Every structure is written in structure tokens, then in C-alpha cells.
Amino acid sequence: MNKKVLIGAAAGVAIAGAIAAAAKKGESGPKPTIWDKMRQGMEEMPEDFPPRIMFDNIEAAKANTEEILTLLRKQQTSADDIEVISSS
């Protein structure tokens, strides 16, 4: 087998394992230091390398999730403010 395929598969399994372990703990993701180390390693890989693509997609999903949660919190806060104003 091609070494790049084996390395890519190992990196993919490592990333998936880190995410699964963090999800099992109830955290929102791997520790920032671990995530930063993975990001540095992925940045050295070619753009079309499958684990790099997967990593980039995970980061995009994480950023989207954070944005959605921020918007939901703002919406909940404004709804609570409206309830307080209408009840007084």
C-alpha cells in the first residue's frame, strides 16, 4: 500500500478518535493545544490530501456551530427581555 494512504488513514482515525473521546466527555472538542498541534500538522499536508480535507471540514463545522450557538443565545436573551418588559 501507498505510505501516504496509510499515514492519511492513521491521521483520520486519530482525529476521529479525539473528537469521539471529547464528545464522550461532554466537551465541545479536543483541548485547544491538541487541536492546534493537529492544525499545524494538517497545514503541512497538500490541499487535496483526504485527511486535510476532512480536518478543514471539521473546522468549518465547528465554526458554524459556534456561530449558530451565539445567534441562539442572542435570540434567547432578546426573548427573555421581551417577556420581562411585557410582564411589568
N, C-alpha and C. Protein backbone atom coordinates (compact mmCIF):
# COMPACT_ATOMS: atom_id res chain seq x y z
N MET A 1 0.83 -1.19 0.00
CA MET A 1 0.00 0.00 0.00
C MET A 1 0.87 1.25 0.00
N ASN A 2 0.29 2.29 -0.46
CA ASN A 2 0.98 3.56 -0.52
C ASN A 2 1.14 4.13 0.89
N LYS A 3 2.33 4.64 1.20
CA LYS A 3 2.59 5.18 2.55
C LYS A 3 1.69 6.36 2.86
N LYS A 4 1.43 7.20 1.86
CA LYS A 4 0.58 8.37 2.09
C LYS A 4 -0.83 7.96 2.49
N VAL A 5 -1.33 6.89 1.89
CA VAL A 5 -2.67 6.41 2.23
C VAL A 5 -2.70 5.92 3.67
N LEU A 6 -1.67 5.17 4.07
CA LEU A 6 -1.61 4.67 5.44
C LEU A 6 -1.48 5.82 6.45
N ILE A 7 -0.64 6.79 6.13
CA ILE A 7 -0.47 7.94 7.03
C ILE A 7 -1.77 8.73 7.11
N GLY A 8 -2.41 8.91 5.96
CA GLY A 8 -3.69 9.63 5.94
C GLY A 8 -4.76 8.92 6.73
N ALA A 9 -4.82 7.60 6.58
CA ALA A 9 -5.81 6.83 7.33
C ALA A 9 -5.54 6.92 8.83
N ALA A 10 -4.27 6.85 9.21
CA ALA A 10 -3.91 6.95 10.63
C ALA A 10 -4.28 8.33 11.18
N ALA A 11 -4.01 9.36 10.40
CA ALA A 11 -4.36 10.72 10.85
C ALA A 11 -5.87 10.87 10.98
N GLY A 12 -6.60 10.32 10.03
CA GLY A 12 -8.07 10.39 10.09
C GLY A 12 -8.62 9.67 11.31
N VAL A 13 -8.08 8.50 11.59
CA VAL A 13 -8.52 7.75 12.76
C VAL A 13 -8.18 8.50 14.04
N ALA A 14 -7.00 9.13 14.07
CA ALA A 14 -6.60 9.89 15.26
C ALA A 14 -7.53 11.07 15.50
N ILE A 15 -7.87 11.77 14.43
CA ILE A 15 -8.77 12.91 14.56
C ILE A 15 -10.16 12.45 15.01
N ALA A 16 -10.65 11.39 14.37
CA ALA A 16 -11.97 10.88 14.73
C ALA A 16 -11.98 10.39 16.18
N GLY A 17 -10.90 9.76 16.60
CA GLY A 17 -10.80 9.29 17.98
C GLY A 17 -10.79 10.42 18.98
N ALA A 18 -10.06 11.48 18.65
CA ALA A 18 -10.00 12.65 19.54
C ALA A 18 -11.36 13.30 19.67
N ILE A 19 -12.07 13.41 18.55
CA ILE A 19 -13.40 14.02 18.58
C ILE A 19 -14.38 13.14 19.34
N ALA A 20 -14.31 11.83 19.11
CA ALA A 20 -15.21 10.91 19.82
C ALA A 20 -14.94 10.92 21.32
N ALA A 21 -13.67 10.96 21.71
CA ALA A 21 -13.34 10.99 23.14
C ALA A 21 -13.84 12.28 23.78
N ALA A 22 -13.69 13.38 23.08
CA ALA A 22 -14.14 14.66 23.62
C ALA A 22 -15.67 14.69 23.72
N ALA A 23 -16.34 14.13 22.72
CA ALA A 23 -17.81 14.10 22.75
C ALA A 23 -18.30 13.22 23.90
N LYS A 24 -17.58 12.15 24.16
CA LYS A 24 -17.97 11.25 25.25
C LYS A 24 -17.82 11.95 26.60
N LYS A 25 -16.82 12.82 26.72
CA LYS A 25 -16.62 13.57 27.96
C LYS A 25 -17.63 14.69 28.12
N GLY A 26 -18.31 15.05 27.02
CA GLY A 26 -19.27 16.14 27.09
C GLY A 26 -18.65 17.48 26.75
N GLU A 27 -17.41 17.48 26.30
CA GLU A 27 -16.76 18.73 25.92
C GLU A 27 -17.14 19.07 24.49
N SER A 28 -16.85 20.30 24.06
CA SER A 28 -17.19 20.71 22.71
C SER A 28 -16.13 20.30 21.70
N GLY A 29 -15.02 19.75 22.11
CA GLY A 29 -13.98 19.33 21.18
C GLY A 29 -12.71 19.00 21.92
N PRO A 30 -11.69 18.62 21.16
CA PRO A 30 -10.41 18.34 21.81
C PRO A 30 -9.84 19.59 22.48
N LYS A 31 -8.91 19.37 23.38
CA LYS A 31 -8.28 20.51 24.05
C LYS A 31 -7.65 21.42 23.00
N PRO A 32 -7.65 22.72 23.23
CA PRO A 32 -7.09 23.65 22.23
C PRO A 32 -5.65 23.34 21.85
N THR A 33 -4.83 22.89 22.80
CA THR A 33 -3.44 22.61 22.46
C THR A 33 -3.35 21.42 21.52
N ILE A 34 -4.16 20.40 21.73
CA ILE A 34 -4.17 19.24 20.84
C ILE A 34 -4.67 19.67 19.46
N TRP A 35 -5.72 20.47 19.44
CA TRP A 35 -6.30 20.93 18.17
C TRP A 35 -5.28 21.77 17.40
N ASP A 36 -4.52 22.62 18.10
CA ASP A 36 -3.51 23.45 17.45
C ASP A 36 -2.39 22.59 16.86
N LYS A 37 -1.98 21.55 17.58
CA LYS A 37 -0.95 20.66 17.06
C LYS A 37 -1.44 19.94 15.81
N MET A 38 -2.70 19.49 15.84
CA MET A 38 -3.25 18.82 14.66
C MET A 38 -3.33 19.80 13.50
N ARG A 39 -3.73 21.03 13.77
CA ARG A 39 -3.83 22.04 12.71
C ARG A 39 -2.47 22.29 12.06
N GLN A 40 -1.42 22.39 12.88
CA GLN A 40 -0.08 22.60 12.34
C GLN A 40 0.33 21.44 11.44
N GLY A 41 0.04 20.23 11.86
CA GLY A 41 0.38 19.06 11.04
C GLY A 41 -0.41 19.04 9.74
N MET A 42 -1.67 19.42 9.80
CA MET A 42 -2.51 19.40 8.61
C MET A 42 -2.11 20.50 7.63
N GLU A 43 -1.63 21.63 8.14
CA GLU A 43 -1.23 22.71 7.25
C GLU A 43 -0.01 22.34 6.41
N GLU A 44 0.78 21.38 6.88
CA GLU A 44 1.95 20.93 6.12
C GLU A 44 1.57 19.96 5.01
N MET A 45 0.37 19.42 5.05
CA MET A 45 -0.06 18.46 4.04
C MET A 45 -0.62 19.18 2.81
N PRO A 46 -0.64 18.49 1.66
CA PRO A 46 -1.22 19.10 0.45
C PRO A 46 -2.72 19.38 0.63
N GLU A 47 -3.23 20.37 -0.11
CA GLU A 47 -4.64 20.77 -0.01
C GLU A 47 -5.60 19.64 -0.35
N ASP A 48 -5.23 18.77 -1.28
CA ASP A 48 -6.14 17.72 -1.73
C ASP A 48 -5.94 16.39 -1.00
N PHE A 49 -5.16 16.40 0.08
CA PHE A 49 -4.92 15.19 0.86
C PHE A 49 -6.17 14.90 1.69
N PRO A 50 -6.78 13.71 1.58
CA PRO A 50 -8.08 13.44 2.23
C PRO A 50 -8.16 13.79 3.71
N PRO A 51 -7.15 13.46 4.55
CA PRO A 51 -7.28 13.87 5.96
C PRO A 51 -7.30 15.38 6.13
N ARG A 52 -6.60 16.09 5.27
CA ARG A 52 -6.60 17.56 5.34
C ARG A 52 -7.98 18.08 5.00
N ILE A 53 -8.60 17.51 3.97
CA ILE A 53 -9.95 17.92 3.59
C ILE A 53 -10.91 17.66 4.74
N MET A 54 -10.79 16.49 5.36
CA MET A 54 -11.66 16.14 6.48
C MET A 54 -11.44 17.11 7.65
N PHE A 55 -10.20 17.41 7.94
CA PHE A 55 -9.88 18.33 9.03
C PHE A 55 -10.45 19.71 8.76
N ASP A 56 -10.28 20.19 7.53
CA ASP A 56 -10.83 21.50 7.16
C ASP A 56 -12.35 21.52 7.31
N ASN A 57 -13.01 20.43 6.92
CA ASN A 57 -14.46 20.36 7.06
C ASN A 57 -14.89 20.34 8.52
N ILE A 58 -14.12 19.67 9.36
CA ILE A 58 -14.43 19.64 10.79
C ILE A 58 -14.29 21.04 11.39
N GLU A 59 -13.23 21.75 10.99
CA GLU A 59 -13.05 23.12 11.49
C GLU A 59 -14.17 24.04 11.03
N ALA A 60 -14.60 23.87 9.77
CA ALA A 60 -15.70 24.70 9.25
C ALA A 60 -16.99 24.40 10.01
N ALA A 61 -17.26 23.12 10.27
CA ALA A 61 -18.46 22.74 11.01
C ALA A 61 -18.41 23.29 12.43
N LYS A 62 -17.24 23.25 13.04
CA LYS A 62 -17.08 23.77 14.40
C LYS A 62 -17.34 25.27 14.43
N ALA A 63 -16.82 26.00 13.44
CA ALA A 63 -17.04 27.45 13.38
C ALA A 63 -18.52 27.75 13.16
N ASN A 64 -19.18 26.99 12.30
CA ASN A 64 -20.61 27.20 12.05
C ASN A 64 -21.43 26.92 13.30
N THR A 65 -21.07 25.89 14.02
CA THR A 65 -21.78 25.55 15.25
C THR A 65 -21.65 26.66 16.27
N GLU A 66 -20.44 27.19 16.43
CA GLU A 66 -20.23 28.29 17.37
C GLU A 66 -21.05 29.51 16.98
N GLU A 67 -21.13 29.81 15.68
CA GLU A 67 -21.91 30.96 15.22
C GLU A 67 -23.41 30.74 15.49
N ILE A 68 -23.88 29.53 15.23
CA ILE A 68 -25.29 29.21 15.47
C ILE A 68 -25.61 29.34 16.96
N LEU A 69 -24.74 28.81 17.81
CA LEU A 69 -24.97 28.91 19.25
C LEU A 69 -24.98 30.36 19.73
N THR A 70 -24.10 31.17 19.18
CA THR A 70 -24.08 32.60 19.54
C THR A 70 -25.39 33.27 19.14
N LEU A 71 -25.87 32.99 17.94
CA LEU A 71 -27.13 33.57 17.48
C LEU A 71 -28.30 33.10 18.33
N LEU A 72 -28.31 31.82 18.69
CA LEU A 72 -29.39 31.30 19.53
C LEU A 72 -29.37 31.94 20.92
N ARG A 73 -28.18 32.14 21.46
CA ARG A 73 -28.08 32.79 22.78
C ARG A 73 -28.60 34.22 22.72
N LYS A 74 -28.25 34.94 21.65
CA LYS A 74 -28.74 36.31 21.49
C LYS A 74 -30.26 36.32 21.35
N GLN A 75 -30.78 35.37 20.59
CA GLN A 75 -32.23 35.29 20.39
C GLN A 75 -32.92 34.97 21.71
N GLN A 76 -32.36 34.07 22.49
CA GLN A 76 -32.94 33.71 23.78
C GLN A 76 -32.91 34.91 24.73
N THR A 77 -31.81 35.64 24.72
CA THR A 77 -31.68 36.82 25.58
C THR A 77 -32.71 37.87 25.20
N SER A 78 -32.89 38.11 23.91
CA SER A 78 -33.86 39.12 23.49
C SER A 78 -35.28 38.65 23.79
N ALA A 79 -35.56 37.36 23.71
CA ALA A 79 -36.88 36.85 24.05
C ALA A 79 -37.14 37.01 25.55
N ASP A 80 -36.12 36.77 26.36
CA ASP A 80 -36.26 36.96 27.81
C ASP A 80 -36.50 38.43 28.14
N ASP A 81 -35.82 39.34 27.44
CA ASP A 81 -36.02 40.78 27.66
C ASP A 81 -37.45 41.19 27.30
N ILE A 82 -37.98 40.64 26.23
CA ILE A 82 -39.35 40.96 25.82
C ILE A 82 -40.35 40.48 26.86
N GLU A 83 -40.11 39.29 27.44
CA GLU A 83 -41.01 38.76 28.47
C GLU A 83 -40.99 39.65 29.70
N VAL A 84 -39.82 40.13 30.10
CA VAL A 84 -39.69 40.97 31.28
C VAL A 84 -40.43 42.29 31.05
N ILE A 85 -40.27 42.88 29.88
CA ILE A 85 -40.93 44.15 29.57
C ILE A 85 -42.44 43.99 29.53
N SER A 86 -42.93 42.92 28.92
CA SER A 86 -44.37 42.73 28.79
C SER A 86 -45.03 42.36 30.11
N SER A 87 -44.29 41.74 31.04
CA SER A 87 -44.90 41.36 32.31
C SER A 87 -44.90 42.51 33.32
N SER A 88 -44.15 43.57 33.08
CA SER A 88 -44.11 44.67 34.05
C SER A 88 -45.10 45.74 33.72
